[in-house]
Amino acid sequence: MLLQRRETPVDVNSIIAASTAVTNLTSQVTALSNQVGSVDTMIVTESDTTPASTFDAEHTVACPTGYKAIGGGVAGEYNQIAVDASGPTVGGQPTNTIPVGTSTVADGWFVRVYSFGSDAEPFKVSAICVKLAP
């Protein structure tokens, strides 16, 4: 039995277009990687202490000039505190004090904590701050 050879025409333009699309996507991913790779991140942490007898203590940590907050939090040194509030600040003000809606970017982190016991309790507040390189 003799096999016949079949030829199918191929549209070279579609192969070139697909290759160009992959090249463009690769360029975009590389550009994004370069941008993300140039992010300058720092964590700013400050210490404070609650008053004794379950009174609230509030503390705000500000990001350095040129940096924006993307997160934050609080931790008690002896796990004897409770968190009433924790969130970003805008213009140095906790978000629970500004009107509902959109605002500018966060510039720090705010917490309000209280002590479970009759003793003053130490705690630390941190803000995660980032700065995109120009």
Protein backbone atom coordinates (compact mmCIF):
# COMPACT_ATOMS: atom_id res chain seq x y z
CA MET A 1 0.00 0.00 0.00
CA LEU A 2 1.30 3.34 -1.00
CA LEU A 3 0.72 6.28 1.38
CA GLN A 4 -0.05 9.62 -0.08
CA ARG A 5 1.42 12.72 1.36
CA ARG A 6 -1.00 15.47 2.27
CA GLU A 7 -0.03 19.04 2.63
CA THR A 8 -2.02 21.59 4.55
CA PRO A 9 -1.45 25.26 3.92
CA VAL A 10 -0.41 27.16 7.05
CA ASP A 11 -1.12 30.82 7.59
CA VAL A 12 2.31 32.14 8.59
CA ASN A 13 0.79 35.49 9.61
CA SER A 14 -1.13 33.84 12.49
CA ILE A 15 2.10 32.27 13.78
CA ILE A 16 3.85 35.63 13.60
CA ALA A 17 0.93 37.33 15.37
CA ALA A 18 1.00 34.72 18.16
CA SER A 19 4.74 35.11 18.54
CA THR A 20 4.36 38.91 18.75
CA ALA A 21 1.63 38.54 21.40
CA VAL A 22 3.91 36.32 23.53
CA THR A 23 6.77 38.82 23.13
CA ASN A 24 4.49 41.70 24.17
CA LEU A 25 3.20 39.76 27.20
CA THR A 26 6.75 38.89 28.22
CA SER A 27 7.72 42.56 28.00
CA GLN A 28 4.75 43.55 30.16
CA VAL A 29 5.52 40.90 32.79
CA THR A 30 9.18 41.99 32.83
CA ALA A 31 8.19 45.64 33.25
CA LEU A 32 5.82 44.75 36.10
CA SER A 33 8.49 42.60 37.77
CA ASN A 34 10.93 45.48 37.55
CA GLN A 35 8.38 47.82 39.12
CA VAL A 36 7.42 45.43 41.91
CA GLY A 37 11.06 44.56 42.49
CA SER A 38 11.79 48.22 43.17
CA VAL A 39 9.38 48.54 46.08
CA ASP A 40 11.04 49.83 49.24
CA THR A 41 9.32 48.32 52.30
CA MET A 42 9.85 49.04 55.97
CA ILE A 43 8.05 48.16 59.18
CA VAL A 44 7.84 50.92 61.76
CA THR A 45 7.23 49.62 65.30
CA GLU A 46 6.67 51.65 68.47
CA SER A 47 6.10 50.60 72.09
CA ASP A 48 3.43 51.86 74.48
CA THR A 49 1.69 50.78 77.68
CA THR A 50 -1.97 50.60 78.67
CA PRO A 51 -3.02 52.28 81.89
CA ALA A 52 -3.96 49.90 84.70
CA SER A 53 -7.52 48.80 85.40
CA THR A 54 -8.79 48.27 81.83
CA PHE A 55 -8.61 51.85 80.59
CA ASP A 56 -8.15 52.26 76.83
CA ALA A 57 -4.82 53.24 75.37
CA GLU A 58 -4.58 54.64 71.84
CA HIS A 59 -1.43 54.74 69.74
CA THR A 60 -0.74 55.85 66.16
CA VAL A 61 2.37 54.94 64.17
CA ALA A 62 3.19 57.15 61.18
CA CYS A 63 5.04 56.05 58.07
CA PRO A 64 8.11 58.13 57.15
CA THR A 65 7.70 60.92 54.60
CA GLY A 66 7.22 59.48 51.11
CA TYR A 67 5.96 56.11 52.37
CA LYS A 68 2.37 54.83 52.48
CA ALA A 69 0.85 52.29 54.86
CA ILE A 70 -0.40 48.99 53.43
CA GLY A 71 -1.02 47.24 56.74
CA GLY A 72 -0.28 47.15 60.42
CA GLY A 73 -1.24 45.66 63.74
CA VAL A 74 -0.68 45.39 67.45
CA ALA A 75 0.73 42.78 69.83
CA GLY A 76 0.74 42.66 73.61
CA GLU A 77 3.99 41.60 75.22
CA TYR A 78 2.24 39.39 77.80
CA ASN A 79 -1.02 38.69 75.92
CA GLN A 80 -3.03 40.56 78.56
CA ILE A 81 -4.60 43.11 76.23
CA ALA A 82 -7.67 43.21 74.03
CA VAL A 83 -7.94 45.21 70.81
CA ASP A 84 -10.84 47.66 70.50
CA ALA A 85 -9.76 49.12 67.16
CA SER A 86 -7.00 48.62 64.62
CA GLY A 87 -6.80 50.23 61.21
CA PRO A 88 -5.08 52.66 58.86
CA THR A 89 -4.77 56.39 59.35
CA VAL A 90 -5.41 59.02 56.69
CA GLY A 91 -3.80 62.36 57.32
CA GLY A 92 -2.78 61.03 60.73
CA GLN A 93 -6.43 60.41 61.69
CA PRO A 94 -7.91 56.95 62.37
CA THR A 95 -10.37 55.90 59.70
CA ASN A 96 -13.12 55.55 62.32
CA THR A 97 -13.02 59.36 62.67
CA ILE A 98 -13.30 60.28 58.98
CA PRO A 99 -16.44 60.30 56.80
CA VAL A 100 -17.52 57.11 55.06
CA GLY A 101 -16.39 56.92 51.43
CA THR A 102 -13.09 57.05 49.63
CA SER A 103 -10.09 59.01 50.83
CA THR A 104 -6.42 59.47 50.10
CA VAL A 105 -3.88 56.74 50.77
CA ALA A 106 -3.10 55.54 54.27
CA ASP A 107 -0.11 57.12 56.01
CA GLY A 108 0.09 55.10 59.23
CA TRP A 109 -1.64 52.68 61.60
CA PHE A 110 -3.89 53.27 64.63
CA VAL A 111 -4.82 50.95 67.52
CA ARG A 112 -6.91 51.18 70.67
CA VAL A 113 -6.31 48.51 73.31
CA TYR A 114 -7.16 47.85 76.95
CA SER A 115 -5.69 45.77 79.73
CA PHE A 116 -7.50 42.71 81.09
CA GLY A 117 -5.97 43.06 84.50
CA SER A 118 -5.26 45.66 87.12
CA ASP A 119 -1.71 46.17 85.87
CA ALA A 120 -0.47 48.39 83.07
CA GLU A 121 0.35 46.23 80.04
CA PRO A 122 3.04 46.90 77.43
CA PHE A 123 2.21 46.53 73.74
CA LYS A 124 3.76 47.29 70.35
CA VAL A 125 2.13 48.84 67.28
CA SER A 126 3.51 48.33 63.77
CA ALA A 127 2.83 49.93 60.40
CA ILE A 128 3.92 48.26 57.18
CA CYS A 129 5.09 51.11 54.94
CA VAL A 130 6.00 51.02 51.25
CA LYS A 131 7.52 53.43 48.76
CA LEU A 132 7.57 52.76 45.04
CA ALA A 133 10.78 53.80 43.38
CA PRO A 134 10.37 56.47 40.71
